Amino acid sequence: MRLSTTERRLLWLGTALVGVIHLLVPGLLLRTARFGYRTGLAVEFRPRSGARKRVRAVGVGLLALAAVVRRLQR
């Protein structure tokens, strides 16, 4: 799949932004998931202990992916 320069830049920026959000506000993301599960699936979502650390770990992974995407753009 061929992406334009703008699309590649948006991919990189979007991935980096989502990674930063995961690092900075994991509690908000977990509350949003709880709301979505409750309203969309009618299921009770209860994060286990360490859930915030796992959300932050996903953020680190997303930032690493953004760095790879950025590197491949050059």
C-alpha atoms as a PDB file:
ATOM      1  CA  MET A   1       0.000   0.000   0.000  1.00  0.00           C
ATOM      2  CA  ARG A   2       1.388   3.364  -1.007  1.00  0.00           C
ATOM      3  CA  LEU A   3       0.856   6.278   1.348  1.00  0.00           C
ATOM      4  CA  SER A   4       1.343   9.914   0.538  1.00  0.00           C
ATOM      5  CA  THR A   5       3.754  12.019   2.548  1.00  0.00           C
ATOM      6  CA  THR A   6       0.837  13.565   4.433  1.00  0.00           C
ATOM      7  CA  GLU A   7      -0.666  10.167   5.240  1.00  0.00           C
ATOM      8  CA  ARG A   8       2.660   8.857   6.531  1.00  0.00           C
ATOM      9  CA  ARG A   9       3.096  11.946   8.681  1.00  0.00           C
ATOM     10  CA  LEU A  10      -0.422  11.561  10.093  1.00  0.00           C
ATOM     11  CA  LEU A  11       0.267   7.883  10.834  1.00  0.00           C
ATOM     12  CA  TRP A  12       3.401   8.796  12.751  1.00  0.00           C
ATOM     13  CA  LEU A  13       1.820  11.692  14.635  1.00  0.00           C
ATOM     14  CA  GLY A  14      -1.337   9.733  15.451  1.00  0.00           C
ATOM     15  CA  THR A  15       0.605   6.768  16.796  1.00  0.00           C
ATOM     16  CA  ALA A  16       2.833   9.036  18.884  1.00  0.00           C
ATOM     17  CA  LEU A  17      -0.167  10.974  20.231  1.00  0.00           C
ATOM     18  CA  VAL A  18      -2.026   7.822  21.239  1.00  0.00           C
ATOM     19  CA  GLY A  19       1.152   6.532  22.919  1.00  0.00           C
ATOM     20  CA  VAL A  20       1.515   9.732  24.939  1.00  0.00           C
ATOM     21  CA  ILE A  21      -2.161   9.591  25.955  1.00  0.00           C
ATOM     22  CA  HIS A  22      -1.663   6.016  27.193  1.00  0.00           C
ATOM     23  CA  LEU A  23       1.314   7.151  29.260  1.00  0.00           C
ATOM     24  CA  LEU A  24      -0.280  10.270  30.737  1.00  0.00           C
ATOM     25  CA  VAL A  25      -3.907   9.315  31.456  1.00  0.00           C
ATOM     26  CA  PRO A  26      -4.276   5.546  31.863  1.00  0.00           C
ATOM     27  CA  GLY A  27      -7.060   6.030  34.427  1.00  0.00           C
ATOM     28  CA  LEU A  28      -9.145   8.012  31.952  1.00  0.00           C
ATOM     29  CA  LEU A  29      -8.700   5.284  29.347  1.00  0.00           C
ATOM     30  CA  LEU A  30      -9.776   2.623  31.832  1.00  0.00           C
ATOM     31  CA  ARG A  31     -12.845   4.651  32.837  1.00  0.00           C
ATOM     32  CA  THR A  32     -13.709   5.111  29.162  1.00  0.00           C
ATOM     33  CA  ALA A  33     -13.407   1.351  28.632  1.00  0.00           C
ATOM     34  CA  ARG A  34     -15.640   0.731  31.643  1.00  0.00           C
ATOM     35  CA  PHE A  35     -18.280   3.109  30.220  1.00  0.00           C
ATOM     36  CA  GLY A  36     -18.039   1.564  26.743  1.00  0.00           C
ATOM     37  CA  TYR A  37     -18.354  -1.982  28.032  1.00  0.00           C
ATOM     38  CA  ARG A  38     -21.303  -1.030  30.215  1.00  0.00           C
ATOM     39  CA  THR A  39     -23.238   0.882  27.569  1.00  0.00           C
ATOM     40  CA  GLY A  40     -22.225  -0.931  24.389  1.00  0.00           C
ATOM     41  CA  LEU A  41     -21.928  -4.503  25.566  1.00  0.00           C
ATOM     42  CA  ALA A  42     -23.980  -4.515  28.780  1.00  0.00           C
ATOM     43  CA  VAL A  43     -21.017  -6.112  30.564  1.00  0.00           C
ATOM     44  CA  GLU A  44     -19.357  -5.005  33.796  1.00  0.00           C
ATOM     45  CA  PHE A  45     -15.688  -4.124  33.257  1.00  0.00           C
ATOM     46  CA  ARG A  46     -13.466  -4.257  36.336  1.00  0.00           C
ATOM     47  CA  PRO A  47      -9.771  -3.573  35.748  1.00  0.00           C
ATOM     48  CA  ARG A  48      -7.505  -5.820  37.773  1.00  0.00           C
ATOM     49  CA  SER A  49      -4.606  -4.588  39.838  1.00  0.00           C
ATOM     50  CA  GLY A  50      -1.764  -3.348  37.691  1.00  0.00           C
ATOM     51  CA  ALA A  51      -4.075  -2.317  34.850  1.00  0.00           C
ATOM     52  CA  ARG A  52      -2.632   1.207  34.786  1.00  0.00           C
ATOM     53  CA  LYS A  53       0.875  -0.189  34.419  1.00  0.00           C
ATOM     54  CA  ARG A  54      -0.255  -2.357  31.516  1.00  0.00           C
ATOM     55  CA  VAL A  55      -1.927   0.619  29.819  1.00  0.00           C
ATOM     56  CA  ARG A  56       1.299   2.584  30.221  1.00  0.00           C
ATOM     57  CA  ALA A  57       3.250  -0.359  28.775  1.00  0.00           C
ATOM     58  CA  VAL A  58       1.005  -0.212  25.711  1.00  0.00           C
ATOM     59  CA  GLY A  59       1.878   3.489  25.495  1.00  0.00           C
ATOM     60  CA  VAL A  60       5.585   2.683  25.483  1.00  0.00           C
ATOM     61  CA  GLY A  61       4.989   0.154  22.726  1.00  0.00           C
ATOM     62  CA  LEU A  62       3.054   2.694  20.687  1.00  0.00           C
ATOM     63  CA  LEU A  63       5.832   5.256  21.072  1.00  0.00           C
ATOM     64  CA  ALA A  64       8.363   2.656  19.932  1.00  0.00           C
ATOM     65  CA  LEU A  65       6.168   1.907  16.922  1.00  0.00           C
ATOM     66  CA  ALA A  66       5.909   5.637  16.164  1.00  0.00           C
ATOM     67  CA  ALA A  67       9.708   5.867  16.246  1.00  0.00           C
ATOM     68  CA  VAL A  68       9.977   2.980  13.755  1.00  0.00           C
ATOM     69  CA  VAL A  69       7.376   4.555  11.480  1.00  0.00           C
ATOM     70  CA  ARG A  70       9.225   7.862  11.631  1.00  0.00           C
ATOM     71  CA  ARG A  71      12.522   6.172  10.876  1.00  0.00           C
ATOM     72  CA  LEU A  72      11.048   4.370   7.861  1.00  0.00           C
ATOM     73  CA  GLN A  73       9.788   7.668   6.458  1.00  0.00           C
ATOM     74  CA  ARG A  74      13.318   8.898   5.799  1.00  0.00           C
END
